[in-house]
C-alpha atoms as a PDB file:
ATOM      1  CA  UNK A   1       0.015   0.023  -0.073  1.00  0.00           C
ATOM      2  CA  UNK A   2       2.967   2.429  -0.553  1.00  0.00           C
ATOM      3  CA  UNK A   3       4.388   2.326   3.036  1.00  0.00           C
ATOM      4  CA  UNK A   4       8.170   2.511   3.283  1.00  0.00           C
ATOM      5  CA  UNK A   5       9.978   0.729   6.065  1.00  0.00           C
ATOM      6  CA  UNK A   6      12.545   2.956   7.728  1.00  0.00           C
ATOM      7  CA  UNK A   7      14.161   0.490  10.047  1.00  0.00           C
ATOM      8  CA  UNK A   8      13.839   0.421  13.736  1.00  0.00           C
ATOM      9  CA  UNK A   9      14.500   4.231  14.287  1.00  0.00           C
ATOM     10  CA  UNK A  10      11.739   5.406  11.976  1.00  0.00           C
ATOM     11  CA  UNK A  11      12.401   8.180   9.637  1.00  0.00           C
ATOM     12  CA  UNK A  12      16.060   8.906   9.342  1.00  0.00           C
ATOM     13  CA  UNK A  13      15.545  12.600   9.050  1.00  0.00           C
ATOM     14  CA  UNK A  14      13.391  12.552  12.275  1.00  0.00           C
ATOM     15  CA  UNK A  15      16.046  10.322  14.052  1.00  0.00           C
ATOM     16  CA  UNK A  16      18.856  12.758  12.936  1.00  0.00           C
ATOM     17  CA  UNK A  17      16.934  15.732  14.399  1.00  0.00           C
ATOM     18  CA  UNK A  18      16.250  14.031  17.680  1.00  0.00           C
ATOM     19  CA  UNK A  19      19.980  13.153  18.060  1.00  0.00           C
ATOM     20  CA  UNK A  20      21.057  16.707  17.253  1.00  0.00           C
ATOM     21  CA  UNK A  21      18.533  18.120  19.787  1.00  0.00           C
ATOM     22  CA  UNK A  22      19.806  15.887  22.395  1.00  0.00           C
ATOM     23  CA  UNK A  23      23.342  17.039  21.848  1.00  0.00           C
ATOM     24  CA  UNK A  24      22.241  20.694  21.626  1.00  0.00           C
ATOM     25  CA  UNK A  25      20.480  20.275  24.881  1.00  0.00           C
ATOM     26  CA  UNK A  26      23.569  18.581  26.580  1.00  0.00           C
ATOM     27  CA  UNK A  27      25.949  21.399  25.251  1.00  0.00           C
ATOM     28  CA  UNK A  28      23.474  24.040  26.580  1.00  0.00           C
ATOM     29  CA  UNK A  29      23.357  22.484  29.930  1.00  0.00           C
ATOM     30  CA  UNK A  30      27.121  21.994  30.144  1.00  0.00           C
ATOM     31  CA  UNK A  31      27.732  25.664  29.084  1.00  0.00           C
ATOM     32  CA  UNK A  32      25.253  26.844  31.773  1.00  0.00           C
ATOM     33  CA  UNK A  33      26.856  24.770  34.613  1.00  0.00           C
ATOM     34  CA  UNK A  34      30.293  25.920  33.651  1.00  0.00           C
ATOM     35  CA  UNK A  35      29.034  29.490  33.456  1.00  0.00           C
ATOM     36  CA  UNK A  36      27.738  29.227  37.094  1.00  0.00           C
ATOM     37  CA  UNK A  37      30.668  27.291  38.331  1.00  0.00           C
ATOM     38  CA  UNK A  38      33.476  29.128  36.590  1.00  0.00           C
ATOM     39  CA  UNK A  39      33.868  32.153  39.079  1.00  0.00           C
ATOM     40  CA  UNK A  40      34.350  29.681  41.918  1.00  0.00           C
ATOM     41  CA  UNK A  41      36.646  27.439  39.882  1.00  0.00           C
ATOM     42  CA  UNK A  42      38.600  30.467  38.726  1.00  0.00           C
ATOM     43  CA  UNK A  43      39.153  31.578  42.336  1.00  0.00           C
ATOM     44  CA  UNK A  44      40.000  28.144  43.506  1.00  0.00           C
ATOM     45  CA  UNK A  45      42.433  27.050  40.555  1.00  0.00           C
ATOM     46  CA  UNK A  46      43.762  30.737  40.125  1.00  0.00           C
ATOM     47  CA  UNK A  47      42.604  30.489  36.538  1.00  0.00           C
ATOM     48  CA  UNK A  48      43.410  33.777  34.523  1.00  0.00           C
ATOM     49  CA  UNK A  49      46.237  34.504  36.988  1.00  0.00           C
ATOM     50  CA  UNK A  50      48.671  31.677  36.204  1.00  0.00           C
ATOM     51  CA  UNK A  51      52.121  32.176  34.839  1.00  0.00           C
ATOM     52  CA  UNK A  52      51.648  32.349  31.000  1.00  0.00           C
ATOM     53  CA  UNK A  53      48.283  34.051  31.185  1.00  0.00           C
ATOM     54  CA  UNK A  54      48.647  37.403  29.338  1.00  0.00           C
ATOM     55  CA  UNK A  55      46.706  40.419  30.217  1.00  0.00           C
ATOM     56  CA  UNK A  56      46.942  43.648  28.210  1.00  0.00           C
ATOM     57  CA  UNK A  57      45.439  47.048  28.945  1.00  0.00           C
ATOM     58  CA  UNK A  58      44.867  49.204  25.766  1.00  0.00           C
ATOM     59  CA  UNK A  59      42.834  52.193  25.603  1.00  0.00           C
ATOM     60  CA  UNK A  60      41.013  51.674  28.923  1.00  0.00           C
ATOM     61  CA  UNK A  61      40.130  48.214  28.043  1.00  0.00           C
ATOM     62  CA  UNK A  62      41.641  45.026  29.503  1.00  0.00           C
ATOM     63  CA  UNK A  63      42.187  42.154  27.083  1.00  0.00           C
ATOM     64  CA  UNK A  64      43.036  38.808  28.684  1.00  0.00           C
ATOM     65  CA  UNK A  65      44.512  35.763  26.877  1.00  0.00           C
ATOM     66  CA  UNK A  66      44.498  32.812  29.363  1.00  0.00           C
ATOM     67  CA  UNK A  67      47.030  30.643  27.584  1.00  0.00           C
ATOM     68  CA  UNK A  68      48.211  28.770  30.727  1.00  0.00           C
ATOM     69  CA  UNK A  69      44.820  28.301  32.127  1.00  0.00           C
ATOM     70  CA  UNK A  70      43.537  26.885  28.738  1.00  0.00           C
ATOM     71  CA  UNK A  71      46.456  24.230  28.828  1.00  0.00           C
ATOM     72  CA  UNK A  72      45.736  23.469  32.388  1.00  0.00           C
ATOM     73  CA  UNK A  73      41.913  22.955  31.768  1.00  0.00           C
ATOM     74  CA  UNK A  74      42.634  20.940  28.636  1.00  0.00           C
ATOM     75  CA  UNK A  75      44.936  18.583  30.552  1.00  0.00           C
ATOM     76  CA  UNK A  76      42.430  18.217  33.472  1.00  0.00           C
ATOM     77  CA  UNK A  77      39.710  17.398  31.133  1.00  0.00           C
ATOM     78  CA  UNK A  78      41.938  14.918  29.213  1.00  0.00           C
ATOM     79  CA  UNK A  79      42.848  13.119  32.420  1.00  0.00           C
ATOM     80  CA  UNK A  80      39.241  13.069  33.614  1.00  0.00           C
ATOM     81  CA  UNK A  81      38.073  11.741  30.131  1.00  0.00           C
ATOM     82  CA  UNK A  82      40.800   9.092  30.078  1.00  0.00           C
ATOM     83  CA  UNK A  83      39.892   8.040  33.669  1.00  0.00           C
ATOM     84  CA  UNK A  84      36.309   7.733  32.628  1.00  0.00           C
ATOM     85  CA  UNK A  85      37.384   5.965  29.469  1.00  0.00           C
ATOM     86  CA  UNK A  86      35.260   7.977  27.253  1.00  0.00           C
END
């Protein structure tokens, strides 16, 4: 009668949209949690004030380039993900 079988997940387009929505929601929640936790983490880990973090003042504006903090956070995340085996 003209029905097309799309497998166990239904329509592939709908399945893709559901997966993308779940990832978008997960990223939104992670960014929100990091945004709330970052001030406390920054004070505790001294993020932005490590040797290697560059802060420039130019025309009344302060521009910060947290190079060492970025490397530190990357290493911590790498160790955590390796520990969790993700």
